[in-house]
C-alpha atoms as a PDB file:
ATOM      1  CA  MET A   1      -3.089 -19.198 -31.300  1.00  0.00           C
ATOM      2  CA  THR A   2      -5.995 -21.490 -29.520  1.00  0.00           C
ATOM      3  CA  ARG A   3      -9.402 -20.068 -27.202  1.00  0.00           C
ATOM      4  CA  LEU A   4      -7.909 -19.805 -23.634  1.00  0.00           C
ATOM      5  CA  ASN A   5      -4.983 -18.354 -24.531  1.00  0.00           C
ATOM      6  CA  GLN A   6      -6.325 -15.763 -26.772  1.00  0.00           C
ATOM      7  CA  LYS A   7      -8.676 -14.780 -24.106  1.00  0.00           C
ATOM      8  CA  TRP A   8      -5.565 -13.803 -20.867  1.00  0.00           C
ATOM      9  CA  GLN A   9      -2.552 -13.564 -23.648  1.00  0.00           C
ATOM     10  CA  CYS A  10      -0.468 -16.383 -21.574  1.00  0.00           C
ATOM     11  CA  ARG A  11       2.875 -16.358 -22.589  1.00  0.00           C
ATOM     12  CA  ALA A  12       5.137 -17.415 -19.796  1.00  0.00           C
ATOM     13  CA  ARG A  13       7.743 -15.602 -18.235  1.00  0.00           C
ATOM     14  CA  SER A  14       9.265 -15.718 -14.496  1.00  0.00           C
ATOM     15  CA  PRO A  15       8.848 -13.127 -12.592  1.00  0.00           C
ATOM     16  CA  GLN A  16      10.984 -10.329 -12.139  1.00  0.00           C
ATOM     17  CA  SER A  17      11.596  -6.640  -9.720  1.00  0.00           C
ATOM     18  CA  TYR A  18      11.279  -3.048 -10.742  1.00  0.00           C
ATOM     19  CA  ALA A  19      12.418   0.042  -9.466  1.00  0.00           C
ATOM     20  CA  VAL A  20       8.116   1.020  -9.153  1.00  0.00           C
ATOM     21  CA  SER A  21       5.628  -1.222  -9.486  1.00  0.00           C
ATOM     22  CA  SER A  22       1.937  -1.020 -10.737  1.00  0.00           C
ATOM     23  CA  LEU A  23       1.093  -1.631  -7.090  1.00  0.00           C
ATOM     24  CA  GLU A  24       2.961   1.128  -5.885  1.00  0.00           C
ATOM     25  CA  VAL A  25       1.094   3.425  -7.428  1.00  0.00           C
ATOM     26  CA  LEU A  26      -2.254   2.005  -7.429  1.00  0.00           C
ATOM     27  CA  TYR A  27      -1.982   1.043  -3.564  1.00  0.00           C
ATOM     28  CA  GLY A  28       0.779   2.856  -2.482  1.00  0.00           C
ATOM     29  CA  ALA A  29       4.928   1.570  -1.866  1.00  0.00           C
ATOM     30  CA  ASP A  30       3.674  -0.378   1.645  1.00  0.00           C
ATOM     31  CA  VAL A  31       0.332  -1.941   0.335  1.00  0.00           C
ATOM     32  CA  LYS A  32       0.509  -5.098  -0.508  1.00  0.00           C
ATOM     33  CA  MET A  33      -1.668  -8.051  -1.851  1.00  0.00           C
ATOM     34  CA  GLU A  34      -2.459 -11.775   0.781  1.00  0.00           C
ATOM     35  CA  LEU A  35      -4.041 -14.239  -1.194  1.00  0.00           C
ATOM     36  CA  HIS A  36      -5.661 -17.444  -0.326  1.00  0.00           C
ATOM     37  CA  LEU A  37      -5.609 -19.737  -2.645  1.00  0.00           C
ATOM     38  CA  LYS A  38      -7.863 -22.236  -2.081  1.00  0.00           C
ATOM     39  CA  ARG A  39     -10.644 -25.446  -3.428  1.00  0.00           C
ATOM     40  CA  GLY A  40     -13.351 -24.861  -1.497  1.00  0.00           C
ATOM     41  CA  GLU A  41     -12.945 -24.330   1.783  1.00  0.00           C
ATOM     42  CA  GLU A  42      -9.688 -26.020   1.648  1.00  0.00           C
ATOM     43  CA  LEU A  43      -6.578 -23.861   1.462  1.00  0.00           C
ATOM     44  CA  LEU A  44      -3.677 -24.714  -1.043  1.00  0.00           C
ATOM     45  CA  GLY A  45      -1.614 -21.662  -0.337  1.00  0.00           C
ATOM     46  CA  VAL A  46      -0.504 -17.776   0.808  1.00  0.00           C
ATOM     47  CA  LEU A  47       0.413 -15.137  -2.083  1.00  0.00           C
ATOM     48  CA  ARG A  48       2.069 -12.120  -0.382  1.00  0.00           C
ATOM     49  CA  SER A  49       2.334  -9.329  -4.080  1.00  0.00           C
ATOM     50  CA  TYR A  50       5.922  -8.199  -3.986  1.00  0.00           C
ATOM     51  CA  ASP A  51       5.554  -6.609  -7.341  1.00  0.00           C
ATOM     52  CA  SER A  52       3.383  -6.457 -10.555  1.00  0.00           C
ATOM     53  CA  ASP A  53       4.459  -5.758 -14.294  1.00  0.00           C
ATOM     54  CA  PHE A  54       0.920  -4.737 -15.692  1.00  0.00           C
ATOM     55  CA  PRO A  55      -1.458  -7.449 -16.433  1.00  0.00           C
ATOM     56  CA  TRP A  56       0.654  -9.423 -13.865  1.00  0.00           C
ATOM     57  CA  VAL A  57       0.204  -9.381 -10.031  1.00  0.00           C
ATOM     58  CA  ASN A  58       3.629 -11.069  -8.741  1.00  0.00           C
ATOM     59  CA  CYS A  59       4.195 -12.893  -5.466  1.00  0.00           C
ATOM     60  CA  LYS A  60       6.083 -15.414  -3.278  1.00  0.00           C
ATOM     61  CA  PHE A  61       4.218 -18.554  -3.178  1.00  0.00           C
ATOM     62  CA  GLU A  62       3.380 -20.393   0.129  1.00  0.00           C
ATOM     63  CA  PRO A  63       2.270 -23.987  -0.595  1.00  0.00           C
ATOM     64  CA  THR A  64       0.090 -25.189   2.222  1.00  0.00           C
ATOM     65  CA  SER A  65       0.696 -29.791   1.488  1.00  0.00           C
ATOM     66  CA  SER A  66      -3.056 -30.000  -0.147  1.00  0.00           C
ATOM     67  CA  PHE A  67      -0.944 -28.213  -3.240  1.00  0.00           C
ATOM     68  CA  ASP A  68       1.224 -30.607  -3.317  1.00  0.00           C
ATOM     69  CA  ALA A  69      -1.328 -32.522  -4.824  1.00  0.00           C
ATOM     70  CA  ILE A  70      -2.016 -29.856  -7.933  1.00  0.00           C
ATOM     71  CA  ARG A  71       1.762 -29.444  -8.179  1.00  0.00           C
ATOM     72  CA  PRO A  72       2.317 -31.427 -10.951  1.00  0.00           C
ATOM     73  CA  LEU A  73      -0.082 -29.829 -13.102  1.00  0.00           C
ATOM     74  CA  PHE A  74       1.131 -26.862 -12.741  1.00  0.00           C
ATOM     75  CA  ASP A  75       4.190 -28.451 -13.012  1.00  0.00           C
ATOM     76  CA  GLU A  76       3.072 -29.066 -16.736  1.00  0.00           C
ATOM     77  CA  GLU A  77       1.417 -25.935 -17.572  1.00  0.00           C
ATOM     78  CA  LEU A  78       4.567 -24.348 -17.358  1.00  0.00           C
ATOM     79  CA  LYS A  79       6.427 -26.958 -19.106  1.00  0.00           C
ATOM     80  CA  LEU A  80       5.154 -26.598 -21.840  1.00  0.00           C
ATOM     81  CA  LEU A  81       3.607 -23.226 -21.953  1.00  0.00           C
ATOM     82  CA  ASP A  82       8.024 -22.652 -22.071  1.00  0.00           C
ATOM     83  CA  ALA A  83       7.698 -25.125 -24.901  1.00  0.00           C
ATOM     84  CA  ASP A  84       4.984 -22.935 -26.903  1.00  0.00           C
ATOM     85  CA  GLN A  85       2.825 -26.094 -26.877  1.00  0.00           C
ATOM     86  CA  MET A  86       0.028 -24.447 -26.850  1.00  0.00           C
ATOM     87  CA  ASP A  87      -2.314 -26.809 -27.697  1.00  0.00           C
ATOM     88  CA  GLU A  88      -1.424 -29.359 -25.107  1.00  0.00           C
ATOM     89  CA  TRP A  89      -0.839 -26.272 -22.898  1.00  0.00           C
ATOM     90  CA  GLU A  90      -4.625 -25.471 -23.901  1.00  0.00           C
ATOM     91  CA  THR A  91      -5.363 -29.213 -22.287  1.00  0.00           C
ATOM     92  CA  VAL A  92      -3.662 -29.380 -19.350  1.00  0.00           C
ATOM     93  CA  TYR A  93      -4.771 -25.517 -17.476  1.00  0.00           C
ATOM     94  CA  THR A  94      -8.659 -26.405 -18.484  1.00  0.00           C
ATOM     95  CA  ARG A  95      -7.810 -29.161 -15.848  1.00  0.00           C
ATOM     96  CA  ILE A  96      -6.780 -27.083 -13.828  1.00  0.00           C
ATOM     97  CA  ASN A  97      -9.597 -24.406 -15.064  1.00  0.00           C
ATOM     98  CA  SER A  98     -11.407 -27.300 -13.620  1.00  0.00           C
ATOM     99  CA  LEU A  99     -10.219 -28.249 -10.449  1.00  0.00           C
ATOM    100  CA  GLY A 100     -12.936 -24.793  -9.175  1.00  0.00           C
ATOM    101  CA  LEU A 101      -9.604 -22.798  -7.772  1.00  0.00           C
ATOM    102  CA  LYS A 102     -10.259 -18.779  -6.262  1.00  0.00           C
ATOM    103  CA  LEU A 103      -7.853 -16.226  -4.859  1.00  0.00           C
ATOM    104  CA  ILE A 104      -9.374 -14.354  -2.145  1.00  0.00           C
ATOM    105  CA  ASP A 105      -8.148 -11.377  -0.816  1.00  0.00           C
ATOM    106  CA  THR A 106      -7.508 -11.515   2.494  1.00  0.00           C
ATOM    107  CA  ARG A 107      -8.026  -7.575   3.475  1.00  0.00           C
ATOM    108  CA  ASP A 108     -11.383  -7.411   1.437  1.00  0.00           C
ATOM    109  CA  LYS A 109     -12.484 -11.206   1.173  1.00  0.00           C
ATOM    110  CA  LYS A 110     -13.521 -10.270  -2.256  1.00  0.00           C
ATOM    111  CA  THR A 111     -13.565 -13.939  -3.863  1.00  0.00           C
ATOM    112  CA  ILE A 112     -11.439 -14.100  -8.264  1.00  0.00           C
ATOM    113  CA  ASP A 113     -13.207 -17.047  -9.730  1.00  0.00           C
ATOM    114  CA  GLU A 114     -11.581 -16.253 -12.599  1.00  0.00           C
ATOM    115  CA  PHE A 115      -7.422 -15.839 -12.996  1.00  0.00           C
ATOM    116  CA  LEU A 116      -3.919 -17.728 -15.075  1.00  0.00           C
ATOM    117  CA  LEU A 117      -1.833 -18.959 -12.535  1.00  0.00           C
ATOM    118  CA  HIS A 118       1.336 -19.894 -13.208  1.00  0.00           C
ATOM    119  CA  VAL A 119       3.570 -20.866 -10.028  1.00  0.00           C
ATOM    120  CA  ARG A 120       7.240 -21.949 -10.202  1.00  0.00           C
ATOM    121  CA  GLY A 121       9.164 -23.457  -7.284  1.00  0.00           C
ATOM    122  CA  ASN A 122       8.815 -20.674  -4.408  1.00  0.00           C
ATOM    123  CA  GLU A 123       7.532 -18.428  -6.917  1.00  0.00           C
ATOM    124  CA  ALA A 124       3.568 -17.459  -8.401  1.00  0.00           C
ATOM    125  CA  TRP A 125       2.765 -14.733 -10.962  1.00  0.00           C
ATOM    126  CA  PHE A 126      -1.334 -14.722 -12.085  1.00  0.00           C
ATOM    127  CA  ARG A 127      -3.376 -12.592 -14.213  1.00  0.00           C
ATOM    128  CA  SER A 128      -7.492 -11.241 -13.641  1.00  0.00           C
END
């Protein structure tokens, strides 16, 4: 197992819904997170949580046109992860990490600098 994969235990999976989510337990049934995905001050997309499967948070993803430039990296990392090509996956995800992406919680403006994010179409899931 590669170093990056060991750190995040990043096996990809598609987001799923469960009857009671960890978010509901932690924040109450009506509280959902909205996060901005940014590179510097550039907004790349909005993530709106709808469920969690600890440690993953499942979100609807609304990309901006700025995300188009990096979408191929996210497509490639999932393709490699799904194919269990972990050395190649680590190389691609290192490129994603080098972009300096951050998630910003719109409620309290707190920044999450270290996270693992997967994007498939209008779905995203992350852990921090």
